[in-house]
Protein backbone atom coordinates (compact mmCIF):
# COMPACT_ATOMS: atom_id res chain seq x y z
CA UNK A 1 8.04 18.24 27.92
CA UNK A 2 5.25 16.25 26.31
CA UNK A 3 4.09 17.92 23.26
CA UNK A 4 0.15 18.33 24.18
CA UNK A 5 -0.80 17.82 20.54
CA UNK A 6 0.85 14.08 20.00
CA UNK A 7 0.13 12.69 24.03
CA UNK A 8 -3.14 11.51 24.44
CA UNK A 9 -4.85 8.29 25.31
CA UNK A 10 -7.51 6.14 24.52
CA UNK A 11 -9.84 4.32 26.26
CA UNK A 12 -12.62 1.67 26.60
CA UNK A 13 -11.69 0.35 22.66
CA UNK A 14 -11.63 -2.54 21.27
CA UNK A 15 -7.81 -2.66 20.31
CA UNK A 16 -6.47 -4.54 17.49
CA UNK A 17 -3.04 -6.09 18.00
CA UNK A 18 -0.78 -8.62 16.74
CA UNK A 19 -1.97 -11.31 19.19
CA UNK A 20 -5.65 -10.46 18.94
CA UNK A 21 -8.27 -7.94 19.91
CA UNK A 22 -7.57 -6.33 23.62
CA UNK A 23 -11.67 -6.00 24.68
CA UNK A 24 -12.31 -2.84 26.93
CA UNK A 25 -8.63 -2.04 25.87
CA UNK A 26 -6.80 1.30 26.10
CA UNK A 27 -3.53 2.67 24.52
CA UNK A 28 -1.14 5.86 25.60
CA UNK A 29 0.60 7.77 23.75
CA UNK A 30 3.13 10.16 24.64
CA UNK A 31 5.13 12.52 21.97
CA UNK A 32 4.13 10.59 18.98
CA UNK A 33 4.84 7.06 20.03
CA UNK A 34 2.94 4.69 21.91
CA UNK A 35 3.87 3.69 25.75
CA UNK A 36 0.96 1.35 26.74
CA UNK A 37 -1.23 -1.12 25.11
CA UNK A 38 -3.43 -3.08 27.31
CA UNK A 39 -6.48 -2.88 29.59
CA UNK A 40 -8.37 0.51 30.25
CA UNK A 41 -8.67 -1.12 33.87
CA UNK A 42 -4.67 -1.83 33.92
CA UNK A 43 -3.65 1.74 32.40
CA UNK A 44 -0.88 3.50 34.43
CA UNK A 45 -1.87 5.27 37.23
CA UNK A 46 -0.07 8.74 35.95
CA UNK A 47 -0.19 10.00 32.34
CA UNK A 48 1.16 13.51 31.23
CA UNK A 49 -0.45 16.47 32.80
CA UNK A 50 -0.91 17.96 29.31
CA UNK A 51 -2.39 14.83 27.55
CA UNK A 52 -6.21 13.95 26.82
CA UNK A 53 -8.51 11.05 27.11
CA UNK A 54 -10.73 9.92 24.35
CA UNK A 55 -13.40 7.47 25.72
CA UNK A 56 -13.48 5.04 22.43
CA UNK A 57 -17.04 4.03 23.61
CA UNK A 58 -16.45 0.34 22.07
CA UNK A 59 -14.98 1.34 18.90
CA UNK A 60 -11.95 -0.21 17.43
CA UNK A 61 -8.23 0.94 17.70
CA UNK A 62 -6.73 -0.39 14.59
CA UNK A 63 -2.85 0.57 13.14
CA UNK A 64 -3.04 2.78 10.21
CA UNK A 65 -3.16 1.91 6.92
CA UNK A 66 -0.25 1.34 4.71
CA UNK A 67 -0.74 1.44 0.82
CA UNK A 68 2.50 0.21 -1.10
CA UNK A 69 0.75 0.59 -4.47
CA UNK A 70 -0.98 4.22 -4.96
CA UNK A 71 -0.67 6.52 -8.07
CA UNK A 72 -2.44 9.66 -7.02
CA UNK A 73 -5.56 11.49 -5.88
CA UNK A 74 -7.60 14.85 -6.11
CA UNK A 75 -6.20 15.35 -9.83
CA UNK A 76 -2.75 14.66 -9.14
CA UNK A 77 -0.59 12.16 -10.04
CA UNK A 78 2.99 11.10 -8.17
CA UNK A 79 4.45 10.91 -12.01
CA UNK A 80 4.02 14.84 -12.40
CA UNK A 81 5.74 15.23 -9.00
CA UNK A 82 5.87 18.35 -6.82
CA UNK A 83 5.25 19.47 -3.63
CA UNK A 84 1.41 20.47 -4.06
CA UNK A 85 1.18 17.47 -5.62
CA UNK A 86 2.44 15.26 -2.92
CA UNK A 87 0.29 17.43 -0.21
CA UNK A 88 -2.59 16.93 -1.99
CA UNK A 89 -2.35 12.90 -2.62
CA UNK A 90 -0.95 12.60 1.16
CA UNK A 91 -4.08 14.64 2.43
CA UNK A 92 -6.71 12.86 0.37
CA UNK A 93 -5.27 9.35 1.54
CA UNK A 94 -4.79 10.21 4.83
CA UNK A 95 -8.31 11.64 5.44
CA UNK A 96 -9.62 7.94 4.66
CA UNK A 97 -6.82 6.07 7.34
CA UNK A 98 -3.73 5.87 5.51
CA UNK A 99 -0.82 6.59 7.37
CA UNK A 100 2.22 5.43 5.33
CA UNK A 101 2.59 5.00 1.31
CA UNK A 102 4.93 4.43 -1.50
CA UNK A 103 5.29 6.95 -4.33
CA UNK A 104 4.49 4.55 -7.11
CA UNK A 105 5.20 5.80 -10.46
CA UNK A 106 4.29 4.43 -13.91
CA UNK A 107 5.78 3.27 -17.01
CA UNK A 108 7.27 6.70 -18.29
CA UNK A 109 10.35 7.76 -20.07
CA UNK A 110 13.67 7.73 -17.63
CA UNK A 111 14.24 11.17 -17.03
CA UNK A 112 10.38 11.26 -15.58
CA UNK A 113 11.25 8.39 -13.19
CA UNK A 114 14.33 10.29 -12.33
CA UNK A 115 12.76 13.73 -11.87
CA UNK A 116 10.09 11.40 -9.12
CA UNK A 117 13.13 10.09 -7.13
CA UNK A 118 14.66 13.68 -6.53
CA UNK A 119 11.43 15.10 -5.60
CA UNK A 120 10.25 12.27 -3.53
CA UNK A 121 13.29 12.51 -1.95
CA UNK A 122 13.33 16.18 -1.33
CA UNK A 123 9.63 15.57 0.26
CA UNK A 124 11.10 13.34 2.50
CA UNK A 125 13.93 15.23 3.90
CA UNK A 126 10.99 17.56 5.18
CA UNK A 127 8.20 17.37 7.46
CA UNK A 128 5.58 15.62 5.85
CA UNK A 129 1.96 16.96 7.18
CA UNK A 130 -0.13 13.98 6.42
CA UNK A 131 0.37 10.52 5.42
CA UNK A 132 4.34 9.49 5.45
CA UNK A 133 6.07 8.61 2.13
CA UNK A 134 8.09 5.73 2.92
CA UNK A 135 9.56 5.34 -0.43
CA UNK A 136 9.01 4.94 -4.00
CA UNK A 137 7.67 2.06 -5.58
CA UNK A 138 8.90 1.89 -9.71
CA UNK A 139 6.10 0.18 -11.21
CA UNK A 140 7.97 -0.23 -14.70
CA UNK A 141 8.82 0.44 -17.01
CA UNK A 142 10.67 -2.99 -17.37
CA UNK A 143 7.28 -4.51 -17.68
CA UNK A 144 5.69 -6.85 -21.17
CA UNK A 145 4.49 -5.17 -23.97
CA UNK A 146 2.10 -7.99 -23.90
CA UNK A 147 0.27 -7.09 -20.56
CA UNK A 148 0.81 -2.70 -20.53
CA UNK A 149 -2.83 -2.61 -18.95
CA UNK A 150 -2.81 0.91 -18.48
CA UNK A 151 1.05 1.55 -19.12
CA UNK A 152 1.98 3.74 -22.03
CA UNK A 153 3.62 0.63 -24.51
CA UNK A 154 5.54 3.36 -26.10
CA UNK A 155 7.75 3.83 -22.96
CA UNK A 156 8.54 -0.13 -21.89
CA UNK A 157 12.21 -1.13 -22.23
CA UNK A 158 13.23 -4.48 -20.68
CA UNK A 159 14.58 -4.87 -17.24
CA UNK A 160 18.11 -2.75 -16.89
CA UNK A 161 19.99 -3.45 -13.75
CA UNK A 162 21.99 -0.79 -14.19
CA UNK A 163 19.25 1.95 -13.96
CA UNK A 164 18.36 0.84 -10.55
CA UNK A 165 21.44 0.39 -9.55
CA UNK A 166 22.63 3.87 -10.23
CA UNK A 167 19.03 5.32 -8.87
CA UNK A 168 19.55 3.05 -5.34
CA UNK A 169 23.20 4.89 -5.27
CA UNK A 170 21.84 8.49 -5.51
CA UNK A 171 18.95 7.62 -3.93
CA UNK A 172 20.08 5.16 -0.98
CA UNK A 173 16.70 3.38 0.50
CA UNK A 174 14.65 5.15 -1.26
CA UNK A 175 13.52 2.60 -3.72
CA UNK A 176 11.29 0.36 -2.04
CA UNK A 177 9.79 -1.96 -4.53
CA UNK A 178 10.21 -2.42 -8.61
CA UNK A 179 7.60 -3.88 -10.46
CA UNK A 180 8.64 -5.70 -13.65
CA UNK A 181 8.06 -8.76 -15.74
CA UNK A 182 10.35 -11.54 -14.68
CA UNK A 183 10.25 -13.15 -17.87
CA UNK A 184 11.75 -10.41 -19.95
CA UNK A 185 15.52 -10.47 -20.74
CA UNK A 186 17.60 -9.12 -18.11
CA UNK A 187 15.19 -9.60 -15.27
CA UNK A 188 16.66 -12.35 -13.24
CA UNK A 189 20.32 -10.23 -12.90
CA UNK A 190 17.81 -7.41 -11.52
CA UNK A 191 16.12 -9.78 -9.17
CA UNK A 192 19.72 -10.55 -7.79
CA UNK A 193 20.52 -7.42 -7.34
CA UNK A 194 17.06 -6.47 -5.69
CA UNK A 195 17.49 -9.15 -3.59
CA UNK A 196 21.05 -8.28 -2.31
CA UNK A 197 19.84 -4.59 -1.68
CA UNK A 198 16.43 -5.37 0.65
CA UNK A 199 14.28 -4.06 -2.17
CA UNK A 200 11.39 -5.77 -3.22
CA UNK A 201 11.26 -7.74 -6.47
CA UNK A 202 7.76 -7.48 -7.58
CA UNK A 203 5.98 -9.23 -10.65
CA UNK A 204 3.45 -7.35 -12.77
CA UNK A 205 2.24 -6.77 -15.90
CA UNK A 206 3.68 -10.15 -17.12
CA UNK A 207 3.22 -12.66 -19.69
CA UNK A 208 5.45 -15.26 -17.55
CA UNK A 209 4.14 -18.97 -17.39
CA UNK A 210 4.41 -20.74 -14.03
CA UNK A 211 8.08 -21.90 -14.85
CA UNK A 212 9.27 -18.90 -15.60
CA UNK A 213 7.88 -17.48 -12.05
CA UNK A 214 9.17 -20.40 -10.28
CA UNK A 215 12.90 -19.49 -11.88
CA UNK A 216 12.42 -15.87 -10.87
CA UNK A 217 11.24 -17.01 -7.25
CA UNK A 218 14.55 -19.09 -6.73
CA UNK A 219 16.57 -16.22 -7.22
CA UNK A 220 14.41 -13.73 -5.54
CA UNK A 221 11.36 -12.57 -6.30
CA UNK A 222 8.90 -12.53 -3.68
CA UNK A 223 5.86 -10.42 -4.19
CA UNK A 224 3.06 -10.30 -6.91
CA UNK A 225 1.28 -7.03 -7.68
CA UNK A 226 -2.72 -6.46 -7.90
CA UNK A 227 -2.88 -10.15 -8.27
CA UNK A 228 -5.07 -11.68 -10.97
CA UNK A 229 -4.83 -8.11 -13.08
CA UNK A 230 -2.46 -7.56 -15.93
CA UNK A 231 -1.11 -11.19 -15.47
CA UNK A 232 -1.29 -14.89 -17.11
CA UNK A 233 -4.20 -16.45 -15.26
CA UNK A 234 -4.64 -19.16 -14.02
CA UNK A 235 -5.78 -22.53 -16.23
CA UNK A 236 -5.68 -26.19 -14.64
CA UNK A 237 -3.05 -27.38 -17.40
CA UNK A 238 -1.37 -24.16 -17.54
CA UNK A 239 -1.15 -22.43 -13.88
CA UNK A 240 0.22 -19.14 -15.06
CA UNK A 241 1.60 -16.70 -13.05
CA UNK A 242 -1.52 -16.21 -10.94
CA UNK A 243 -1.19 -20.02 -10.27
CA UNK A 244 2.38 -19.58 -9.04
CA UNK A 245 1.20 -16.78 -7.13
CA UNK A 246 -1.55 -18.86 -5.38
CA UNK A 247 0.64 -21.90 -4.86
CA UNK A 248 3.50 -20.51 -3.58
CA UNK A 249 4.08 -19.39 -0.11
CA UNK A 250 6.93 -17.33 -1.14
CA UNK A 251 5.17 -15.04 -2.86
CA UNK A 252 3.08 -12.19 -1.39
CA UNK A 253 0.04 -11.13 -2.95
CA UNK A 254 -1.44 -7.41 -3.45
CA UNK A 255 -5.04 -7.51 -3.89
CA UNK A 256 -7.26 -4.35 -5.14
CA UNK A 257 -10.57 -5.27 -2.98
CA UNK A 258 -13.14 -2.91 -4.72
CA UNK A 259 -15.32 -5.03 -6.23
CA UNK A 260 -14.45 -3.96 -9.54
CA UNK A 261 -10.56 -5.33 -10.31
CA UNK A 262 -11.84 -8.88 -8.54
CA UNK A 263 -14.47 -10.95 -7.65
CA UNK A 264 -15.10 -11.34 -3.81
CA UNK A 265 -14.75 -15.29 -4.14
CA UNK A 266 -11.49 -14.71 -5.91
CA UNK A 267 -10.21 -12.64 -3.10
CA UNK A 268 -11.82 -15.41 -0.93
CA UNK A 269 -9.57 -17.99 -2.28
CA UNK A 270 -6.52 -15.90 -2.60
CA UNK A 271 -7.40 -15.47 1.61
CA UNK A 272 -7.55 -18.63 2.49
CA UNK A 273 -4.03 -19.62 0.41
CA UNK A 274 -2.26 -16.76 1.78
CA UNK A 275 -3.35 -17.16 5.38
CA UNK A 276 0.75 -16.91 6.74
CA UNK A 277 0.83 -13.00 6.74
CA UNK A 278 1.16 -12.96 2.76
CA UNK A 279 -2.14 -10.70 1.66
CA UNK A 280 -1.47 -7.33 0.98
CA UNK A 281 -4.50 -4.49 0.36
CA UNK A 282 -3.83 -1.77 -2.29
CA UNK A 283 -5.64 0.85 -3.51
CA UNK A 284 -3.67 1.39 -7.01
CA UNK A 285 -5.80 4.80 -6.67
CA UNK A 286 -4.99 7.01 -9.42
CA UNK A 287 -5.78 11.05 -9.42
CA UNK A 288 -9.44 10.62 -9.89
CA UNK A 289 -9.46 9.24 -6.63
CA UNK A 290 -11.76 11.49 -3.99
CA UNK A 291 -13.62 13.03 -7.15
CA UNK A 292 -16.28 12.11 -9.04
CA UNK A 293 -17.03 10.80 -12.77
CA UNK A 294 -15.12 12.39 -15.21
CA UNK A 295 -12.04 12.27 -17.57
CA UNK A 296 -8.67 11.95 -15.92
CA UNK A 297 -5.12 11.25 -16.53
CA UNK A 298 -2.96 8.09 -15.26
CA UNK A 299 0.75 9.29 -16.15
CA UNK A 300 0.44 10.27 -19.61
CA UNK A 301 -2.58 8.27 -20.96
CA UNK A 302 -6.37 9.45 -20.86
CA UNK A 303 -8.76 7.67 -18.72
CA UNK A 304 -12.84 7.80 -18.08
CA UNK A 305 -14.41 7.47 -14.87
CA UNK A 306 -17.81 6.43 -14.32
CA UNK A 307 -19.96 4.91 -11.36
CA UNK A 308 -16.29 4.28 -10.01
CA UNK A 309 -14.83 2.75 -12.67
CA UNK A 310 -11.69 3.71 -14.47
CA UNK A 311 -10.99 2.70 -17.97
CA UNK A 312 -8.46 4.08 -20.60
CA UNK A 313 -10.15 6.31 -23.10
CA UNK A 314 -10.77 5.01 -26.34
CA UNK A 315 -10.10 1.28 -25.35
CA UNK A 316 -11.86 -1.96 -24.78
CA UNK A 317 -12.52 -0.84 -21.40
CA UNK A 318 -9.19 -1.60 -20.27
CA UNK A 319 -9.17 -0.80 -16.53
CA UNK A 320 -7.14 1.99 -15.19
CA UNK A 321 -6.13 2.17 -11.81
CA UNK A 322 -8.94 2.84 -9.32
CA UNK A 323 -10.78 5.33 -7.13
CA UNK A 324 -10.34 3.16 -4.31
CA UNK A 325 -9.22 3.86 -0.84
CA UNK A 326 -7.94 1.89 2.13
CA UNK A 327 -10.71 2.32 4.52
CA UNK A 328 -13.06 1.08 1.48
CA UNK A 329 -10.82 -1.78 0.77
CA UNK A 330 -10.29 -2.25 4.36
CA UNK A 331 -14.41 -2.61 4.34
CA UNK A 332 -14.68 -4.64 1.68
CA UNK A 333 -12.31 -7.34 2.94
CA UNK A 334 -14.49 -7.60 5.97
CA UNK A 335 -18.21 -7.43 4.64
CA UNK A 336 -17.55 -9.18 1.26
CA UNK A 337 -14.82 -11.28 1.49
CA UNK A 338 -15.84 -12.29 5.14
CA UNK A 339 -12.31 -11.78 6.43
CA UNK A 340 -12.14 -10.64 10.33
CA UNK A 341 -11.41 -7.31 11.72
CA UNK A 342 -8.06 -8.59 12.73
CA UNK A 343 -7.25 -10.61 9.31
CA UNK A 344 -8.47 -7.61 7.07
CA UNK A 345 -6.28 -5.22 9.67
CA UNK A 346 -3.34 -7.01 8.92
CA UNK A 347 -3.55 -7.25 5.23
CA UNK A 348 -3.84 -3.17 5.32
CA UNK A 349 -1.29 -2.57 7.92
CA UNK A 350 1.28 -4.97 9.41
CA UNK A 351 1.96 -7.03 6.35
CA UNK A 352 2.75 -4.20 4.16
CA UNK A 353 4.85 -2.62 6.82
CA UNK A 354 6.78 -6.17 6.80
CA UNK A 355 6.95 -6.28 3.03
CA UNK A 356 8.97 -2.74 3.04
CA UNK A 357 10.57 -3.29 5.79
CA UNK A 358 9.32 -0.19 8.36
CA UNK A 359 7.51 -2.81 10.54
CA UNK A 360 9.88 -1.77 13.48
CA UNK A 361 8.42 1.75 12.97
CA UNK A 362 4.61 1.48 12.35
CA UNK A 363 2.33 -1.68 11.19
CA UNK A 364 0.50 -2.76 14.59
CA UNK A 365 -0.72 -0.94 17.61
CA UNK A 366 2.49 -2.07 19.99
CA UNK A 367 4.57 -0.22 22.49
CA UNK A 368 7.43 1.73 20.75
CA UNK A 369 5.84 2.09 17.68
CA UNK A 370 4.70 5.23 16.11
CA UNK A 371 1.12 6.30 17.16
CA UNK A 372 -0.01 5.66 13.54
CA UNK A 373 -3.49 4.83 14.73
CA UNK A 374 -6.86 4.68 13.38
CA UNK A 375 -10.41 4.96 15.69
CA UNK A 376 -13.24 3.11 13.68
CA UNK A 377 -16.57 2.33 14.81
CA UNK A 378 -18.45 -1.03 15.01
CA UNK A 379 -20.19 -0.14 11.78
CA UNK A 380 -16.49 0.15 9.94
CA UNK A 381 -16.51 4.24 9.54
CA UNK A 382 -13.97 6.15 9.73
CA UNK A 383 -13.80 8.35 12.99
CA UNK A 384 -10.03 9.78 13.63
CA UNK A 385 -6.85 9.15 12.35
CA UNK A 386 -3.16 9.98 14.12
CA UNK A 387 -0.01 10.00 12.21
CA UNK A 388 2.87 10.11 14.29
CA UNK A 389 0.63 11.00 17.22
CA UNK A 390 -0.78 14.13 15.57
CA UNK A 391 -4.40 14.20 14.69
CA UNK A 392 -5.31 14.42 10.96
CA UNK A 393 -7.28 17.90 10.23
CA UNK A 394 -9.12 18.41 6.93
C-alpha cells in the first residue's frame, strides 16, 4: 500500500531536470520515489488513490540542495556531536532547502574527530527526520599552519594516512571527503589512499604553489574547498592554488556564494571556467546560522557575528565560516552572479551528488530517484521541501 504521506503529484510546474526545464511539467511521487517526470498533459491516467495533487502554478520544481561543507547552525556544531545537535542542524538547513549534507568537522584533536565519526555513524543508522546526513567531511586537521583561517592552529598535524585508513576501516563508507594541504609531507601518500577508496581528496587551507597542486592532481587530488579563501592566491607570475583550480578541469571547486567571502565577479569567472559541471555551491555555515548577531563558537574558537559577517574574535577580521543557507546561496548565484536557474541548480544539487557519489540516489529530478524535491516560486522563494517524499514540517 502506498504511504499517503510520501505519495503525491505536482502539476503545472517548471520542472528543472538535467536535460533542461520541462514547461508545464509534472512530477509523480510514489512511496518516496519519483515515478514520473514529464509534461502535465502526459501524466499517467492512474495514480495511487491516496496521493494528493499540488498545483504548482508555474513555480519551479528543483532537486533538493546538497551541502558538502557545513559545520552547524542553531548554536550547534558537528564538532560537538550529539543526536540533539544533529537534529537541530539538519532541521534548520532542511527548512532552507537542503535535503542531504556532509557533517563537516574542524581541525580538532584526534579523539574529538573519532567521537564525531562514532556519533554520525549512529545517527545515520536510525531514521533521520530532516536533511539526511550522507557522511562526514574531514576539514583538517592536516592543513597548513600558514593558512589556518578559523581553524585552531594548536590542533594542526601533518597529513596522516594511517589515521584516515583506521577510521575508514572502522566506519566503512562514512568518510566522503578529506580536506588537507597537499604540499605538506605525507600528503601524496594520503591522496593515493583516498583515490583508491573513492574518497574525495580536496585541497584547502593550503600554502601550495601551482606546481605542488599539479603534482597532487597527478596522483588523485580533484577538489578544492571554498575556492579563493584560505589558499595561495592567483598572481600572473605565480598562479598559486587559486590559479591551479581555475585552470585545471580535473579540479572541482566549492564556492561560498554569500557576497562576503568572494566578490560576485570572481564567482562569475570561476563559473565560466568550471562549465563542465565542476562548480559546487556550499554554505560553510557555522553554529550562528539561523540566528542573529552575537558571539558564537566555531569548533573551539570564539566568533563574532555582525550583519551576517562571521569573524574570529580578537583577530584582524579573519573570516570564520558563514551564516549562509543554500537557498540564499542559490539566489545569489542567479541574481548577482547571473547563472541560469538550471546552472545554479546543478551547482547546488547534481554536482555535489556526483562528487560524493550519491547521484544514483538523489541530486536530480529523474524517475527512480528519491523524492528529494523543492518547490520554489518565480521570485526564488522556497515554498516546500520534501525529503524522500516526506514534506518538511517545522
